[in-house]
């Protein structure tokens, strides 16, 4: 399993991919306190299951999931403001 984060070219630093089911799960649990899960709206992202994170009026992230054999094997999070301008809330 792997997760990747795209914060865009203006990000202070690149976010390294998280690899391995345990590491990805720990990363998700660590970030639950930020309230992102409560702000998630189910969505199709490029035809696949995903979430649009909308804590207020504007989307702050899009999350997509890649599944194989009934298990999530990749998680991608896009939080690049330039890419999110085209996302409907």
N, C-alpha and C. Protein backbone atom coordinates (compact mmCIF):
# COMPACT_ATOMS: atom_id res chain seq x y z
N UNK A 1 0.85 -1.17 0.00
CA UNK A 1 0.00 0.00 0.00
C UNK A 1 0.89 1.23 0.00
N UNK A 2 0.42 2.27 -0.67
CA UNK A 2 1.17 3.52 -0.71
C UNK A 2 0.21 4.69 -0.69
N UNK A 3 0.66 5.81 -0.14
CA UNK A 3 -0.12 7.04 -0.21
C UNK A 3 0.80 8.16 -0.68
N UNK A 4 0.24 9.06 -1.49
CA UNK A 4 0.99 10.18 -2.02
C UNK A 4 0.21 11.47 -1.78
N UNK A 5 0.94 12.57 -1.60
CA UNK A 5 0.32 13.87 -1.37
C UNK A 5 0.91 14.87 -2.35
N UNK A 6 0.04 15.62 -3.05
CA UNK A 6 0.45 16.68 -3.98
C UNK A 6 -0.02 18.01 -3.42
N UNK A 7 0.91 18.78 -2.88
CA UNK A 7 0.59 20.08 -2.31
C UNK A 7 0.83 21.21 -3.29
N UNK A 8 1.36 20.90 -4.47
CA UNK A 8 1.60 21.91 -5.48
C UNK A 8 2.98 22.52 -5.38
N UNK A 9 3.33 23.34 -6.37
CA UNK A 9 4.68 23.91 -6.43
C UNK A 9 4.97 24.93 -5.33
N UNK A 10 3.96 25.51 -4.70
CA UNK A 10 4.19 26.50 -3.66
C UNK A 10 4.42 25.91 -2.28
N UNK A 11 4.39 24.59 -2.16
CA UNK A 11 4.56 23.95 -0.86
C UNK A 11 5.97 24.20 -0.32
N UNK A 12 6.06 24.33 0.99
CA UNK A 12 7.36 24.58 1.61
C UNK A 12 8.33 23.43 1.39
N UNK A 13 7.80 22.21 1.39
CA UNK A 13 8.66 21.05 1.16
C UNK A 13 7.83 19.93 0.54
N UNK A 14 8.52 19.06 -0.13
CA UNK A 14 7.84 17.92 -0.74
C UNK A 14 7.44 16.93 0.35
N UNK A 15 6.35 16.25 0.11
CA UNK A 15 5.90 15.22 1.04
C UNK A 15 6.26 13.87 0.43
N UNK A 16 7.08 13.12 1.14
CA UNK A 16 7.49 11.81 0.65
C UNK A 16 6.31 10.84 0.69
N UNK A 17 6.21 9.94 -0.30
CA UNK A 17 5.15 8.93 -0.26
C UNK A 17 5.28 8.07 1.00
N UNK A 18 4.14 7.65 1.53
CA UNK A 18 4.11 6.73 2.66
C UNK A 18 3.85 5.36 2.08
N UNK A 19 4.70 4.38 2.43
CA UNK A 19 4.60 3.05 1.86
C UNK A 19 4.40 2.02 2.97
N UNK A 20 3.53 1.06 2.72
CA UNK A 20 3.26 -0.01 3.67
C UNK A 20 1.95 0.22 4.40
N UNK A 21 1.16 -0.85 4.52
CA UNK A 21 -0.18 -0.74 5.10
C UNK A 21 -0.15 -0.13 6.50
N UNK A 22 0.76 -0.57 7.34
CA UNK A 22 0.82 -0.07 8.72
C UNK A 22 1.18 1.41 8.75
N UNK A 23 2.16 1.81 7.94
CA UNK A 23 2.58 3.22 7.91
C UNK A 23 1.47 4.11 7.37
N UNK A 24 0.77 3.65 6.33
CA UNK A 24 -0.34 4.44 5.78
C UNK A 24 -1.45 4.56 6.81
N UNK A 25 -1.81 3.46 7.47
CA UNK A 25 -2.86 3.50 8.50
C UNK A 25 -2.48 4.45 9.63
N UNK A 26 -1.24 4.39 10.07
CA UNK A 26 -0.78 5.28 11.15
C UNK A 26 -0.86 6.74 10.71
N UNK A 27 -0.49 7.02 9.47
CA UNK A 27 -0.55 8.37 8.94
C UNK A 27 -1.99 8.89 8.89
N UNK A 28 -2.91 8.04 8.45
CA UNK A 28 -4.32 8.44 8.40
C UNK A 28 -4.85 8.70 9.81
N UNK A 29 -4.58 7.80 10.76
CA UNK A 29 -5.06 7.97 12.13
C UNK A 29 -4.48 9.22 12.76
N UNK A 30 -3.21 9.50 12.51
CA UNK A 30 -2.56 10.69 13.06
C UNK A 30 -3.24 11.97 12.57
N UNK A 31 -3.73 11.97 11.34
CA UNK A 31 -4.32 13.17 10.76
C UNK A 31 -5.82 13.29 10.96
N UNK A 32 -6.46 12.32 11.60
CA UNK A 32 -7.90 12.39 11.84
C UNK A 32 -8.25 13.59 12.71
N UNK A 33 -7.40 13.96 13.65
CA UNK A 33 -7.69 15.08 14.54
C UNK A 33 -7.86 16.40 13.80
N UNK A 34 -7.39 16.48 12.59
CA UNK A 34 -7.54 17.71 11.81
C UNK A 34 -8.95 17.89 11.29
N UNK A 35 -9.80 16.90 11.49
CA UNK A 35 -11.19 17.03 11.08
C UNK A 35 -11.44 16.77 9.61
N UNK A 36 -10.44 16.28 8.89
CA UNK A 36 -10.62 16.06 7.47
C UNK A 36 -11.68 15.00 7.17
N UNK A 37 -11.78 14.00 8.02
CA UNK A 37 -12.75 12.94 7.74
C UNK A 37 -14.18 13.45 7.87
N UNK A 38 -14.45 14.35 8.79
CA UNK A 38 -15.81 14.90 8.95
C UNK A 38 -16.19 15.80 7.79
N UNK A 39 -15.21 16.37 7.12
CA UNK A 39 -15.48 17.29 6.02
C UNK A 39 -15.48 16.58 4.66
N UNK A 40 -15.27 15.27 4.66
CA UNK A 40 -15.19 14.53 3.41
C UNK A 40 -16.55 14.24 2.80
N UNK A 41 -16.67 14.51 1.52
CA UNK A 41 -17.89 14.20 0.76
C UNK A 41 -17.54 13.13 -0.27
N UNK A 42 -18.28 12.02 -0.29
CA UNK A 42 -17.99 10.98 -1.29
C UNK A 42 -18.05 11.55 -2.70
N UNK A 43 -17.16 11.08 -3.55
CA UNK A 43 -17.10 11.58 -4.93
C UNK A 43 -16.44 10.54 -5.83
N UNK A 44 -16.71 10.65 -7.11
CA UNK A 44 -15.94 9.89 -8.09
C UNK A 44 -14.77 10.76 -8.51
N UNK A 45 -13.58 10.23 -8.41
CA UNK A 45 -12.37 10.94 -8.78
C UNK A 45 -11.74 10.19 -9.94
N UNK A 46 -11.79 10.78 -11.11
CA UNK A 46 -11.32 10.11 -12.32
C UNK A 46 -11.96 8.74 -12.48
N UNK A 47 -13.24 8.64 -12.12
CA UNK A 47 -14.00 7.41 -12.27
C UNK A 47 -13.83 6.41 -11.15
N UNK A 48 -13.06 6.73 -10.13
CA UNK A 48 -12.81 5.82 -9.01
C UNK A 48 -13.36 6.42 -7.72
N UNK A 49 -13.59 5.59 -6.69
CA UNK A 49 -14.09 6.10 -5.41
C UNK A 49 -13.12 7.10 -4.79
N UNK A 50 -13.68 8.13 -4.19
CA UNK A 50 -12.84 9.12 -3.54
C UNK A 50 -13.63 10.03 -2.64
N UNK A 51 -12.97 11.08 -2.19
CA UNK A 51 -13.56 12.08 -1.32
C UNK A 51 -13.12 13.46 -1.78
N UNK A 52 -14.01 14.43 -1.61
CA UNK A 52 -13.64 15.84 -1.73
C UNK A 52 -13.74 16.39 -0.32
N UNK A 53 -12.66 16.98 0.16
CA UNK A 53 -12.62 17.51 1.53
C UNK A 53 -13.03 18.98 1.48
N UNK A 54 -14.21 19.28 2.08
CA UNK A 54 -14.77 20.64 2.05
C UNK A 54 -15.13 21.04 3.48
N UNK A 55 -14.19 21.60 4.24
CA UNK A 55 -14.49 21.98 5.61
C UNK A 55 -15.38 23.22 5.71
N UNK A 56 -15.35 24.06 4.69
CA UNK A 56 -16.20 25.25 4.64
C UNK A 56 -16.85 25.31 3.27
N UNK A 57 -16.68 26.39 2.54
CA UNK A 57 -17.30 26.49 1.21
C UNK A 57 -16.43 25.95 0.09
N UNK A 58 -15.13 25.95 0.26
CA UNK A 58 -14.22 25.59 -0.82
C UNK A 58 -13.50 24.27 -0.53
N UNK A 59 -13.32 23.45 -1.57
CA UNK A 59 -12.55 22.21 -1.39
C UNK A 59 -11.10 22.52 -1.03
N UNK A 60 -10.56 21.77 -0.08
CA UNK A 60 -9.15 21.93 0.30
C UNK A 60 -8.32 20.73 -0.12
N UNK A 61 -8.99 19.64 -0.50
CA UNK A 61 -8.27 18.45 -0.95
C UNK A 61 -9.21 17.50 -1.67
N UNK A 62 -8.63 16.69 -2.54
CA UNK A 62 -9.34 15.60 -3.19
C UNK A 62 -8.53 14.34 -2.90
N UNK A 63 -9.21 13.30 -2.46
CA UNK A 63 -8.57 12.04 -2.12
C UNK A 63 -9.11 10.96 -3.05
N UNK A 64 -8.22 10.19 -3.65
CA UNK A 64 -8.67 9.08 -4.49
C UNK A 64 -8.07 7.79 -3.95
N UNK A 65 -8.80 6.70 -4.21
CA UNK A 65 -8.40 5.38 -3.73
C UNK A 65 -8.26 4.44 -4.92
N UNK A 66 -7.21 3.66 -4.93
CA UNK A 66 -7.04 2.61 -5.93
C UNK A 66 -7.18 1.28 -5.21
N UNK A 67 -8.10 0.44 -5.69
CA UNK A 67 -8.34 -0.86 -5.06
C UNK A 67 -7.99 -1.98 -6.01
N UNK A 68 -7.49 -3.06 -5.44
CA UNK A 68 -7.23 -4.29 -6.18
C UNK A 68 -7.67 -5.46 -5.30
N UNK A 69 -8.40 -6.37 -5.88
CA UNK A 69 -8.88 -7.55 -5.16
C UNK A 69 -9.63 -7.17 -3.89
N UNK A 70 -10.40 -6.07 -3.97
CA UNK A 70 -11.22 -5.66 -2.84
C UNK A 70 -10.49 -4.95 -1.72
N UNK A 71 -9.22 -4.59 -1.92
CA UNK A 71 -8.47 -3.88 -0.89
C UNK A 71 -7.88 -2.59 -1.46
N UNK A 72 -7.87 -1.56 -0.64
CA UNK A 72 -7.24 -0.31 -1.04
C UNK A 72 -5.73 -0.53 -1.08
N UNK A 73 -5.12 -0.21 -2.21
CA UNK A 73 -3.68 -0.40 -2.35
C UNK A 73 -2.93 0.93 -2.52
N UNK A 74 -3.66 2.00 -2.89
CA UNK A 74 -3.04 3.31 -3.01
C UNK A 74 -4.03 4.39 -2.60
N UNK A 75 -3.51 5.44 -2.00
CA UNK A 75 -4.30 6.62 -1.65
C UNK A 75 -3.53 7.82 -2.16
N UNK A 76 -4.22 8.67 -2.93
CA UNK A 76 -3.61 9.90 -3.43
C UNK A 76 -4.40 11.08 -2.90
N UNK A 77 -3.70 12.09 -2.38
CA UNK A 77 -4.33 13.30 -1.87
C UNK A 77 -3.79 14.48 -2.65
N UNK A 78 -4.68 15.23 -3.29
CA UNK A 78 -4.30 16.43 -4.02
C UNK A 78 -4.77 17.63 -3.21
N UNK A 79 -3.82 18.48 -2.82
CA UNK A 79 -4.14 19.69 -2.08
C UNK A 79 -3.49 20.91 -2.72
N UNK A 80 -3.15 20.79 -3.98
CA UNK A 80 -2.55 21.88 -4.75
C UNK A 80 -3.66 22.89 -5.06
N UNK A 81 -3.61 24.10 -4.51
CA UNK A 81 -4.67 25.09 -4.72
C UNK A 81 -4.99 25.34 -6.19
N UNK A 82 -3.98 25.35 -7.05
CA UNK A 82 -4.21 25.60 -8.48
C UNK A 82 -5.06 24.48 -9.09
N UNK A 83 -4.81 23.25 -8.70
CA UNK A 83 -5.57 22.12 -9.22
C UNK A 83 -6.98 22.09 -8.64
N UNK A 84 -7.17 22.59 -7.42
CA UNK A 84 -8.47 22.53 -6.76
C UNK A 84 -9.44 23.60 -7.26
N UNK A 85 -8.95 24.61 -7.97
CA UNK A 85 -9.84 25.67 -8.46
C UNK A 85 -10.95 25.12 -9.36
N UNK A 86 -10.68 24.03 -10.05
CA UNK A 86 -11.65 23.46 -10.99
C UNK A 86 -12.60 22.46 -10.31
N UNK A 87 -12.42 22.19 -9.03
CA UNK A 87 -13.23 21.20 -8.32
C UNK A 87 -14.50 21.86 -7.78
N UNK A 88 -15.65 21.26 -8.09
CA UNK A 88 -16.92 21.76 -7.57
C UNK A 88 -17.13 21.28 -6.14
N UNK A 89 -17.63 22.14 -5.29
CA UNK A 89 -17.84 21.79 -3.88
C UNK A 89 -19.04 20.93 -3.69
